[in-house]
Amino acid sequence: MAAQESSNLKVKEGKGALITCFVLFAAFFINVLFGKANVSYGMSLPHLGNVAEFLLLFVASISLIIAALKAEAAQK
């Protein structure tokens, strides 16, 4: 019983950072699609600028690294 609780805690370690990474990367991907639609089809959809797009991808990659490090630390 105690081993099962321990394994559940290990699974939950870093889950928040991983969810944050997926949400931010999805926002980045949608932003790229909006930008492509603006260029290709002449639409005027709102999208982030270059610096904001870079920061969004940067934070997404940092949160992925944090999730991986937390999961690795929980395994040990």
C-alpha atoms as a PDB file:
ATOM      1  CA  MET A   1       0.000   0.000   0.000  1.00  0.00           C
ATOM      2  CA  ALA A   2       2.804   2.425   0.865  1.00  0.00           C
ATOM      3  CA  ALA A   3       4.646   1.538  -2.336  1.00  0.00           C
ATOM      4  CA  GLN A   4       1.555   2.387  -4.366  1.00  0.00           C
ATOM      5  CA  GLU A   5       1.258   5.808  -2.697  1.00  0.00           C
ATOM      6  CA  SER A   6       4.941   6.421  -3.369  1.00  0.00           C
ATOM      7  CA  SER A   7       4.558   5.594  -7.054  1.00  0.00           C
ATOM      8  CA  ASN A   8       1.536   7.913  -7.310  1.00  0.00           C
ATOM      9  CA  LEU A   9       3.604  10.758  -5.870  1.00  0.00           C
ATOM     10  CA  LYS A  10       6.367  10.054  -8.377  1.00  0.00           C
ATOM     11  CA  VAL A  11       3.903  10.235 -11.260  1.00  0.00           C
ATOM     12  CA  LYS A  12       2.514  13.582 -10.062  1.00  0.00           C
ATOM     13  CA  GLU A  13       5.977  15.113  -9.720  1.00  0.00           C
ATOM     14  CA  GLY A  14       6.500  17.565 -12.569  1.00  0.00           C
ATOM     15  CA  LYS A  15       3.003  17.123 -13.998  1.00  0.00           C
ATOM     16  CA  GLY A  16       2.151  20.807 -13.599  1.00  0.00           C
ATOM     17  CA  ALA A  17       5.241  21.895 -15.503  1.00  0.00           C
ATOM     18  CA  LEU A  18       4.444  19.414 -18.266  1.00  0.00           C
ATOM     19  CA  ILE A  19       0.877  20.675 -18.601  1.00  0.00           C
ATOM     20  CA  THR A  20       2.204  24.245 -18.679  1.00  0.00           C
ATOM     21  CA  CYS A  21       4.608  23.252 -21.438  1.00  0.00           C
ATOM     22  CA  PHE A  22       1.849  21.702 -23.552  1.00  0.00           C
ATOM     23  CA  VAL A  23      -0.451  24.702 -23.115  1.00  0.00           C
ATOM     24  CA  LEU A  24       2.276  27.208 -24.007  1.00  0.00           C
ATOM     25  CA  PHE A  25       3.442  25.198 -27.000  1.00  0.00           C
ATOM     26  CA  ALA A  26      -0.169  24.929 -28.232  1.00  0.00           C
ATOM     27  CA  ALA A  27      -0.502  28.716 -27.909  1.00  0.00           C
ATOM     28  CA  PHE A  28       2.748  29.123 -29.866  1.00  0.00           C
ATOM     29  CA  PHE A  29       1.548  26.741 -32.583  1.00  0.00           C
ATOM     30  CA  ILE A  30      -1.814  28.527 -32.900  1.00  0.00           C
ATOM     31  CA  ASN A  31       0.013  31.842 -33.119  1.00  0.00           C
ATOM     32  CA  VAL A  32       2.177  30.485 -35.946  1.00  0.00           C
ATOM     33  CA  LEU A  33      -0.941  29.275 -37.772  1.00  0.00           C
ATOM     34  CA  PHE A  34      -2.557  32.709 -37.392  1.00  0.00           C
ATOM     35  CA  GLY A  35       0.561  34.357 -38.785  1.00  0.00           C
ATOM     36  CA  LYS A  36       0.649  31.943 -41.722  1.00  0.00           C
ATOM     37  CA  ALA A  37      -3.038  32.601 -42.455  1.00  0.00           C
ATOM     38  CA  ASN A  38      -2.362  36.336 -42.389  1.00  0.00           C
ATOM     39  CA  VAL A  39       0.455  36.029 -44.920  1.00  0.00           C
ATOM     40  CA  SER A  40      -1.071  33.372 -47.182  1.00  0.00           C
ATOM     41  CA  TYR A  41      -4.710  34.433 -47.290  1.00  0.00           C
ATOM     42  CA  GLY A  42      -4.477  38.157 -46.559  1.00  0.00           C
ATOM     43  CA  MET A  43      -6.462  37.835 -43.341  1.00  0.00           C
ATOM     44  CA  SER A  44      -6.032  40.198 -40.436  1.00  0.00           C
ATOM     45  CA  LEU A  45      -6.114  37.766 -37.524  1.00  0.00           C
ATOM     46  CA  PRO A  46      -4.537  38.999 -34.285  1.00  0.00           C
ATOM     47  CA  HIS A  47      -1.211  37.375 -33.467  1.00  0.00           C
ATOM     48  CA  LEU A  48       1.812  37.989 -31.267  1.00  0.00           C
ATOM     49  CA  GLY A  49       4.884  39.810 -32.493  1.00  0.00           C
ATOM     50  CA  ASN A  50       8.347  38.344 -32.898  1.00  0.00           C
ATOM     51  CA  VAL A  51       9.583  39.021 -29.375  1.00  0.00           C
ATOM     52  CA  ALA A  52       6.417  37.732 -27.702  1.00  0.00           C
ATOM     53  CA  GLU A  53       6.494  34.632 -29.904  1.00  0.00           C
ATOM     54  CA  PHE A  54      10.121  33.993 -28.923  1.00  0.00           C
ATOM     55  CA  LEU A  55       9.344  34.425 -25.223  1.00  0.00           C
ATOM     56  CA  LEU A  56       6.374  32.062 -25.478  1.00  0.00           C
ATOM     57  CA  LEU A  57       8.503  29.334 -27.045  1.00  0.00           C
ATOM     58  CA  PHE A  58      11.331  30.010 -24.569  1.00  0.00           C
ATOM     59  CA  VAL A  59       9.066  29.604 -21.527  1.00  0.00           C
ATOM     60  CA  ALA A  60       7.523  26.460 -23.036  1.00  0.00           C
ATOM     61  CA  SER A  61      10.951  24.891 -23.514  1.00  0.00           C
ATOM     62  CA  ILE A  62      12.076  25.884 -20.002  1.00  0.00           C
ATOM     63  CA  SER A  63       8.962  24.309 -18.489  1.00  0.00           C
ATOM     64  CA  LEU A  64       9.646  21.108 -20.463  1.00  0.00           C
ATOM     65  CA  ILE A  65      13.161  20.991 -19.019  1.00  0.00           C
ATOM     66  CA  ILE A  66      11.793  21.562 -15.505  1.00  0.00           C
ATOM     67  CA  ALA A  67       9.259  18.752 -15.952  1.00  0.00           C
ATOM     68  CA  ALA A  68      11.964  16.374 -17.176  1.00  0.00           C
ATOM     69  CA  LEU A  69      14.283  17.211 -14.282  1.00  0.00           C
ATOM     70  CA  LYS A  70      11.505  16.803 -11.711  1.00  0.00           C
ATOM     71  CA  ALA A  71      10.486  13.448 -13.189  1.00  0.00           C
ATOM     72  CA  GLU A  72      14.100  12.276 -13.183  1.00  0.00           C
ATOM     73  CA  ALA A  73      14.581  13.384  -9.581  1.00  0.00           C
ATOM     74  CA  ALA A  74      11.373  11.596  -8.553  1.00  0.00           C
ATOM     75  CA  GLN A  75      12.613   8.368 -10.115  1.00  0.00           C
ATOM     76  CA  LYS A  76      15.727   8.312  -7.948  1.00  0.00           C
END
